[in-house]
Amino acid sequence: TLHIPPLPDTARRIIELQGQEDYGLDDLVKIIEADPPVAARIMGWANSSFYGTQTPSTSLNDAIMRVLGFDMVFNMALGMAIGNALTLPRSHVSGASPYWLDAVYNAAAMEALAKQITANDSPNPGTCYLAGLLANFGTLVLGQVFPPQYEIICRLTAAYPQLPCSYIDQHVLSVSREVLAATLFELWGLPDEICCAVRFQQVSNYTGMHQS
C-alpha cells in the first residue's frame, strides 16, 4: 500500500552507463546536462571555496577535468539524482542543518577520510563520497512515505536530542531510516557497497560484506 518512488531517469542512465564496457567523459556530460538541477549543483560545488580554484569553471567538462575528476562527478551526479527522487519533508527538527547541506558535508568528510587511507585495499574516494551523500537519505524516505509518523519522530528528536535517530525511528515505526533507505537502494540496483554503508552506518562493530 506504500508508494515507492521509481528510480529517477538520470540515476538510471548513470547506472546503465557504469555497466557499459566503454564509456567516457562526453557520455557522462550528456546525461548531467539533461538534468539542470544536478548540473547546477555540480558546477556550484566545483566553484566553491572548498576546492579553492583560482579560475572558476564555466563548463561541466572543465569542472570535471580540472577540478573534480571523472570518478567524483560520476558518484556526485548519481547521488544528487537519487536525492531528487524525493521531496524534502515538511516536518523538520528545530535547529538541525538543512538536508542537502548536511549531505554535502557528510560526503566531503567521507571523501577526505578515504584519501587518508594508504593501504592497498583502501576504499575508492568517489564511492565514499556517494555513501556520505546518501547517508541520511532515509530522512527523505520517512518524510515522504510516512509523513504523520515522521512529524512525531521530529518532535521526539527535538525533545530528546541525546537519543540516536535510529532508536526513535524504531520506537515509532519499528524500523530505522537506514534500513528503509538501504532497502530502497537495493530495489533500485545501487552498488552493494553503498547499500551496506547506508544500512550499517550506525553499527560501530559491524563485520560482514564491505566492512572495510
C-alpha atoms as a PDB file:
ATOM      1  CA  THR A   1       0.000   0.000   0.000  1.00  0.00           C
ATOM      2  CA  LEU A   2       3.040   2.283   0.194  1.00  0.00           C
ATOM      3  CA  HIS A   3       4.098   4.413  -2.742  1.00  0.00           C
ATOM      4  CA  ILE A   4       7.686   3.565  -3.557  1.00  0.00           C
ATOM      5  CA  PRO A   5       9.120   6.184  -5.937  1.00  0.00           C
ATOM      6  CA  PRO A   6      10.760   4.947  -9.151  1.00  0.00           C
ATOM      7  CA  LEU A   7      14.461   5.415  -9.770  1.00  0.00           C
ATOM      8  CA  PRO A   8      14.951   8.850 -11.406  1.00  0.00           C
ATOM      9  CA  ASP A   9      15.792   8.722 -15.099  1.00  0.00           C
ATOM     10  CA  THR A  10      19.139  10.477 -14.629  1.00  0.00           C
ATOM     11  CA  ALA A  11      20.198   7.976 -11.959  1.00  0.00           C
ATOM     12  CA  ARG A  12      19.027   5.066 -14.127  1.00  0.00           C
ATOM     13  CA  ARG A  13      21.080   6.311 -17.085  1.00  0.00           C
ATOM     14  CA  ILE A  14      24.186   6.756 -14.908  1.00  0.00           C
ATOM     15  CA  ILE A  15      23.874   3.227 -13.520  1.00  0.00           C
ATOM     16  CA  GLU A  16      23.415   1.871 -17.048  1.00  0.00           C
ATOM     17  CA  LEU A  17      26.458   3.843 -18.166  1.00  0.00           C
ATOM     18  CA  GLN A  18      28.528   2.265 -15.406  1.00  0.00           C
ATOM     19  CA  GLY A  19      27.577  -1.162 -16.735  1.00  0.00           C
ATOM     20  CA  GLN A  20      28.976  -0.426 -20.186  1.00  0.00           C
ATOM     21  CA  GLU A  21      32.474  -1.569 -21.053  1.00  0.00           C
ATOM     22  CA  ASP A  22      33.439   1.594 -22.916  1.00  0.00           C
ATOM     23  CA  TYR A  23      32.199   4.981 -21.812  1.00  0.00           C
ATOM     24  CA  GLY A  24      33.856   8.351 -21.450  1.00  0.00           C
ATOM     25  CA  LEU A  25      33.586  11.945 -20.359  1.00  0.00           C
ATOM     26  CA  ASP A  26      31.226  13.003 -23.147  1.00  0.00           C
ATOM     27  CA  ASP A  27      28.738  10.279 -22.236  1.00  0.00           C
ATOM     28  CA  LEU A  28      28.592  11.417 -18.607  1.00  0.00           C
ATOM     29  CA  VAL A  29      28.377  15.114 -19.514  1.00  0.00           C
ATOM     30  CA  LYS A  30      25.383  14.471 -21.823  1.00  0.00           C
ATOM     31  CA  ILE A  31      23.486  12.771 -19.010  1.00  0.00           C
ATOM     32  CA  ILE A  32      24.243  15.504 -16.480  1.00  0.00           C
ATOM     33  CA  GLU A  33      23.427  18.343 -18.896  1.00  0.00           C
ATOM     34  CA  ALA A  34      19.966  16.822 -19.389  1.00  0.00           C
ATOM     35  CA  ASP A  35      19.296  17.332 -15.656  1.00  0.00           C
ATOM     36  CA  PRO A  36      19.746  21.081 -14.952  1.00  0.00           C
ATOM     37  CA  PRO A  37      19.375  20.874 -11.119  1.00  0.00           C
ATOM     38  CA  VAL A  38      22.121  18.248 -10.902  1.00  0.00           C
ATOM     39  CA  ALA A  39      24.330  20.141 -13.338  1.00  0.00           C
ATOM     40  CA  ALA A  40      23.887  23.379 -11.375  1.00  0.00           C
ATOM     41  CA  ARG A  41      24.823  21.718  -8.076  1.00  0.00           C
ATOM     42  CA  ILE A  42      27.938  20.153  -9.567  1.00  0.00           C
ATOM     43  CA  MET A  43      29.045  23.464 -11.056  1.00  0.00           C
ATOM     44  CA  GLY A  44      28.400  25.197  -7.741  1.00  0.00           C
ATOM     45  CA  TRP A  45      30.440  22.601  -5.874  1.00  0.00           C
ATOM     46  CA  ALA A  46      33.328  22.819  -8.370  1.00  0.00           C
ATOM     47  CA  ASN A  47      33.438  26.601  -7.936  1.00  0.00           C
ATOM     48  CA  SER A  48      33.056  26.553  -4.157  1.00  0.00           C
ATOM     49  CA  SER A  49      35.741  27.692  -1.746  1.00  0.00           C
ATOM     50  CA  PHE A  50      36.188  24.054  -0.681  1.00  0.00           C
ATOM     51  CA  TYR A  51      38.325  23.423  -3.766  1.00  0.00           C
ATOM     52  CA  GLY A  52      39.858  26.908  -3.841  1.00  0.00           C
ATOM     53  CA  THR A  53      40.307  27.151  -7.603  1.00  0.00           C
ATOM     54  CA  GLN A  54      41.770  30.416  -8.882  1.00  0.00           C
ATOM     55  CA  THR A  55      39.739  30.384 -12.091  1.00  0.00           C
ATOM     56  CA  PRO A  56      36.041  29.439 -11.914  1.00  0.00           C
ATOM     57  CA  SER A  57      34.848  26.587 -14.123  1.00  0.00           C
ATOM     58  CA  THR A  58      32.499  27.663 -16.877  1.00  0.00           C
ATOM     59  CA  SER A  59      31.501  24.230 -18.201  1.00  0.00           C
ATOM     60  CA  LEU A  60      30.927  20.720 -16.932  1.00  0.00           C
ATOM     61  CA  ASN A  61      33.863  19.457 -18.968  1.00  0.00           C
ATOM     62  CA  ASP A  62      36.158  21.949 -17.279  1.00  0.00           C
ATOM     63  CA  ALA A  63      34.733  21.225 -13.818  1.00  0.00           C
ATOM     64  CA  ILE A  64      35.333  17.503 -14.319  1.00  0.00           C
ATOM     65  CA  MET A  65      38.746  17.622 -15.962  1.00  0.00           C
ATOM     66  CA  ARG A  66      40.326  20.454 -13.956  1.00  0.00           C
ATOM     67  CA  VAL A  67      38.662  20.359 -10.541  1.00  0.00           C
ATOM     68  CA  LEU A  68      36.561  17.390  -9.510  1.00  0.00           C
ATOM     69  CA  GLY A  69      37.663  14.429 -11.591  1.00  0.00           C
ATOM     70  CA  PHE A  70      35.581  11.915 -13.523  1.00  0.00           C
ATOM     71  CA  ASP A  71      35.018   9.413 -10.728  1.00  0.00           C
ATOM     72  CA  MET A  72      33.963  12.097  -8.267  1.00  0.00           C
ATOM     73  CA  VAL A  73      31.446  13.696 -10.636  1.00  0.00           C
ATOM     74  CA  PHE A  74      30.092  10.273 -11.600  1.00  0.00           C
ATOM     75  CA  ASN A  75      29.217   9.472  -7.992  1.00  0.00           C
ATOM     76  CA  MET A  76      28.185  13.040  -7.183  1.00  0.00           C
ATOM     77  CA  ALA A  77      25.708  13.113 -10.086  1.00  0.00           C
ATOM     78  CA  LEU A  78      24.308   9.711  -9.137  1.00  0.00           C
ATOM     79  CA  GLY A  79      23.782  10.744  -5.508  1.00  0.00           C
ATOM     80  CA  MET A  80      22.183  14.076  -6.392  1.00  0.00           C
ATOM     81  CA  ALA A  81      19.882  12.485  -8.986  1.00  0.00           C
ATOM     82  CA  ILE A  82      18.727   9.930  -6.426  1.00  0.00           C
ATOM     83  CA  GLY A  83      18.214  12.696  -3.868  1.00  0.00           C
ATOM     84  CA  ASN A  84      15.897  14.462  -6.308  1.00  0.00           C
ATOM     85  CA  ALA A  85      13.594  11.416  -6.348  1.00  0.00           C
ATOM     86  CA  LEU A  86      12.033  12.534  -3.088  1.00  0.00           C
ATOM     87  CA  THR A  87      10.964  15.942  -1.889  1.00  0.00           C
ATOM     88  CA  LEU A  88      12.223  17.443   1.327  1.00  0.00           C
ATOM     89  CA  PRO A  89       9.801  16.655   4.169  1.00  0.00           C
ATOM     90  CA  ARG A  90       7.662  19.454   5.567  1.00  0.00           C
ATOM     91  CA  SER A  91       8.447  18.461   9.126  1.00  0.00           C
ATOM     92  CA  HIS A  92      11.941  19.091  10.426  1.00  0.00           C
ATOM     93  CA  VAL A  93      13.944  19.039  13.611  1.00  0.00           C
ATOM     94  CA  SER A  94      14.377  22.533  15.020  1.00  0.00           C
ATOM     95  CA  GLY A  95      17.995  23.668  14.791  1.00  0.00           C
ATOM     96  CA  ALA A  96      19.106  20.824  12.509  1.00  0.00           C
ATOM     97  CA  SER A  97      21.160  21.572   9.388  1.00  0.00           C
ATOM     98  CA  PRO A  98      19.282  21.642   6.061  1.00  0.00           C
ATOM     99  CA  TYR A  99      19.243  18.220   4.414  1.00  0.00           C
ATOM    100  CA  TRP A 100      21.440  18.995   1.404  1.00  0.00           C
ATOM    101  CA  LEU A 101      23.975  20.991   3.417  1.00  0.00           C
ATOM    102  CA  ASP A 102      24.313  18.087   5.826  1.00  0.00           C
ATOM    103  CA  ALA A 103      24.588  15.632   2.924  1.00  0.00           C
ATOM    104  CA  VAL A 104      27.380  17.562   1.218  1.00  0.00           C
ATOM    105  CA  TYR A 105      29.310  17.923   4.482  1.00  0.00           C
ATOM    106  CA  ASN A 106      28.999  14.170   5.087  1.00  0.00           C
ATOM    107  CA  ALA A 107      30.163  13.449   1.555  1.00  0.00           C
ATOM    108  CA  ALA A 108      33.158  15.774   1.781  1.00  0.00           C
ATOM    109  CA  ALA A 109      34.185  14.257   5.122  1.00  0.00           C
ATOM    110  CA  MET A 110      33.934  10.720   3.738  1.00  0.00           C
ATOM    111  CA  GLU A 111      35.987  11.662   0.689  1.00  0.00           C
ATOM    112  CA  ALA A 112      38.691  13.295   2.816  1.00  0.00           C
ATOM    113  CA  LEU A 113      38.889  10.294   5.157  1.00  0.00           C
ATOM    114  CA  ALA A 114      39.150   7.881   2.231  1.00  0.00           C
ATOM    115  CA  LYS A 115      42.085   9.834   0.799  1.00  0.00           C
ATOM    116  CA  GLN A 116      43.948   9.499   4.107  1.00  0.00           C
ATOM    117  CA  ILE A 117      43.933   5.699   3.899  1.00  0.00           C
ATOM    118  CA  THR A 118      47.154   4.493   2.289  1.00  0.00           C
ATOM    119  CA  ALA A 119      46.567   0.723   2.455  1.00  0.00           C
ATOM    120  CA  ASN A 120      46.468  -1.267  -0.774  1.00  0.00           C
ATOM    121  CA  ASP A 121      42.796  -2.098  -0.223  1.00  0.00           C
ATOM    122  CA  SER A 122      41.814   1.493   0.579  1.00  0.00           C
ATOM    123  CA  PRO A 123      38.244   2.438  -0.395  1.00  0.00           C
ATOM    124  CA  ASN A 124      37.536   4.436  -3.535  1.00  0.00           C
ATOM    125  CA  PRO A 125      37.120   8.144  -2.596  1.00  0.00           C
ATOM    126  CA  GLY A 126      34.310   8.573  -5.121  1.00  0.00           C
ATOM    127  CA  THR A 127      32.376   5.650  -3.668  1.00  0.00           C
ATOM    128  CA  CYS A 128      32.907   7.021  -0.171  1.00  0.00           C
ATOM    129  CA  TYR A 129      31.647  10.414  -1.339  1.00  0.00           C
ATOM    130  CA  LEU A 130      28.471   8.781  -2.670  1.00  0.00           C
ATOM    131  CA  ALA A 131      27.977   6.861   0.580  1.00  0.00           C
ATOM    132  CA  GLY A 132      28.268  10.107   2.569  1.00  0.00           C
ATOM    133  CA  LEU A 133      25.931  11.949   0.223  1.00  0.00           C
ATOM    134  CA  LEU A 134      23.261   9.271   0.648  1.00  0.00           C
ATOM    135  CA  ALA A 135      23.908   8.514   4.329  1.00  0.00           C
ATOM    136  CA  ASN A 136      20.817  10.360   5.543  1.00  0.00           C
ATOM    137  CA  PHE A 137      18.586   9.530   2.568  1.00  0.00           C
ATOM    138  CA  GLY A 138      16.310   7.642   4.935  1.00  0.00           C
ATOM    139  CA  THR A 139      15.143  11.013   6.233  1.00  0.00           C
ATOM    140  CA  LEU A 140      13.616  11.742   2.824  1.00  0.00           C
ATOM    141  CA  VAL A 141      12.032   8.289   2.742  1.00  0.00           C
ATOM    142  CA  LEU A 142      10.417   8.798   6.144  1.00  0.00           C
ATOM    143  CA  GLY A 143       9.213  12.289   5.241  1.00  0.00           C
ATOM    144  CA  GLN A 144       7.550  11.173   2.010  1.00  0.00           C
ATOM    145  CA  VAL A 145       6.284   7.684   2.805  1.00  0.00           C
ATOM    146  CA  PHE A 146       5.396   8.185   6.495  1.00  0.00           C
ATOM    147  CA  PRO A 147       4.673  11.926   6.950  1.00  0.00           C
ATOM    148  CA  PRO A 148       2.499  11.651  10.114  1.00  0.00           C
ATOM    149  CA  GLN A 149       4.975   9.336  11.804  1.00  0.00           C
ATOM    150  CA  TYR A 150       7.913  11.476  10.702  1.00  0.00           C
ATOM    151  CA  GLU A 151       6.325  14.519  12.329  1.00  0.00           C
ATOM    152  CA  ILE A 152       6.230  12.562  15.604  1.00  0.00           C
ATOM    153  CA  ILE A 153       9.847  11.479  15.083  1.00  0.00           C
ATOM    154  CA  CYS A 154      10.908  15.114  14.614  1.00  0.00           C
ATOM    155  CA  ARG A 155       9.171  16.177  17.824  1.00  0.00           C
ATOM    156  CA  LEU A 156      10.769  13.329  19.781  1.00  0.00           C
ATOM    157  CA  THR A 157      14.189  14.067  18.301  1.00  0.00           C
ATOM    158  CA  ALA A 158      13.937  17.714  19.345  1.00  0.00           C
ATOM    159  CA  ALA A 159      12.758  16.708  22.828  1.00  0.00           C
ATOM    160  CA  TYR A 160      15.429  14.024  23.322  1.00  0.00           C
ATOM    161  CA  PRO A 161      18.499  15.152  21.333  1.00  0.00           C
ATOM    162  CA  GLN A 162      20.729  12.740  23.253  1.00  0.00           C
ATOM    163  CA  LEU A 163      18.964   9.724  21.716  1.00  0.00           C
ATOM    164  CA  PRO A 164      20.134   8.310  18.350  1.00  0.00           C
ATOM    165  CA  CYS A 165      17.684   8.825  15.497  1.00  0.00           C
ATOM    166  CA  SER A 166      17.664   5.084  14.845  1.00  0.00           C
ATOM    167  CA  TYR A 167      16.349   4.497  18.394  1.00  0.00           C
ATOM    168  CA  ILE A 168      13.494   6.949  17.899  1.00  0.00           C
ATOM    169  CA  ASP A 169      12.720   5.510  14.448  1.00  0.00           C
ATOM    170  CA  GLN A 170      12.475   2.043  15.976  1.00  0.00           C
ATOM    171  CA  HIS A 171      10.191   3.348  18.733  1.00  0.00           C
ATOM    172  CA  VAL A 172       7.760   4.945  16.270  1.00  0.00           C
ATOM    173  CA  LEU A 173       7.974   2.686  13.197  1.00  0.00           C
ATOM    174  CA  SER A 174       9.798  -0.466  14.374  1.00  0.00           C
ATOM    175  CA  VAL A 175      12.357   0.105  11.614  1.00  0.00           C
ATOM    176  CA  SER A 176      15.185   2.600  11.194  1.00  0.00           C
ATOM    177  CA  ARG A 177      15.569   5.077   8.370  1.00  0.00           C
ATOM    178  CA  GLU A 178      18.897   3.467   7.470  1.00  0.00           C
ATOM    179  CA  VAL A 179      17.220   0.117   6.779  1.00  0.00           C
ATOM    180  CA  LEU A 180      14.453   1.779   4.753  1.00  0.00           C
ATOM    181  CA  ALA A 181      16.953   3.688   2.619  1.00  0.00           C
ATOM    182  CA  ALA A 182      19.210   0.672   2.058  1.00  0.00           C
ATOM    183  CA  THR A 183      16.236  -1.479   1.055  1.00  0.00           C
ATOM    184  CA  LEU A 184      15.128   1.131  -1.470  1.00  0.00           C
ATOM    185  CA  PHE A 185      18.669   1.359  -2.845  1.00  0.00           C
ATOM    186  CA  GLU A 186      18.710  -2.416  -3.276  1.00  0.00           C
ATOM    187  CA  LEU A 187      15.438  -2.241  -5.223  1.00  0.00           C
ATOM    188  CA  TRP A 188      16.928   0.486  -7.396  1.00  0.00           C
ATOM    189  CA  GLY A 189      20.031  -1.576  -8.129  1.00  0.00           C
ATOM    190  CA  LEU A 190      22.672   0.596  -6.460  1.00  0.00           C
ATOM    191  CA  PRO A 191      26.083  -0.985  -5.735  1.00  0.00           C
ATOM    192  CA  ASP A 192      26.209  -3.378  -2.781  1.00  0.00           C
ATOM    193  CA  GLU A 193      28.885  -1.332  -1.005  1.00  0.00           C
ATOM    194  CA  ILE A 194      26.585   1.718  -0.941  1.00  0.00           C
ATOM    195  CA  CYS A 195      23.659  -0.319   0.383  1.00  0.00           C
ATOM    196  CA  CYS A 196      25.827  -1.801   3.137  1.00  0.00           C
ATOM    197  CA  ALA A 197      27.382   1.550   4.068  1.00  0.00           C
ATOM    198  CA  VAL A 198      23.970   3.179   4.483  1.00  0.00           C
ATOM    199  CA  ARG A 199      22.311   0.220   6.239  1.00  0.00           C
ATOM    200  CA  PHE A 200      25.045  -0.362   8.831  1.00  0.00           C
ATOM    201  CA  GLN A 201      26.377   3.176   9.357  1.00  0.00           C
ATOM    202  CA  GLN A 202      25.161   3.237  12.974  1.00  0.00           C
ATOM    203  CA  VAL A 203      26.612  -0.212  13.795  1.00  0.00           C
ATOM    204  CA  SER A 204      30.100   0.548  15.144  1.00  0.00           C
ATOM    205  CA  ASN A 205      31.070  -3.119  15.473  1.00  0.00           C
ATOM    206  CA  TYR A 206      29.732  -4.223  12.085  1.00  0.00           C
ATOM    207  CA  THR A 207      31.545  -7.154  10.490  1.00  0.00           C
ATOM    208  CA  GLY A 208      30.483  -8.513   7.148  1.00  0.00           C
ATOM    209  CA  MET A 209      30.433  -7.716   3.473  1.00  0.00           C
ATOM    210  CA  HIS A 210      32.224  -4.457   2.569  1.00  0.00           C
ATOM    211  CA  GLN A 211      33.196  -3.879   6.217  1.00  0.00           C
ATOM    212  CA  SER A 212      36.380  -2.091   5.134  1.00  0.00           C
END
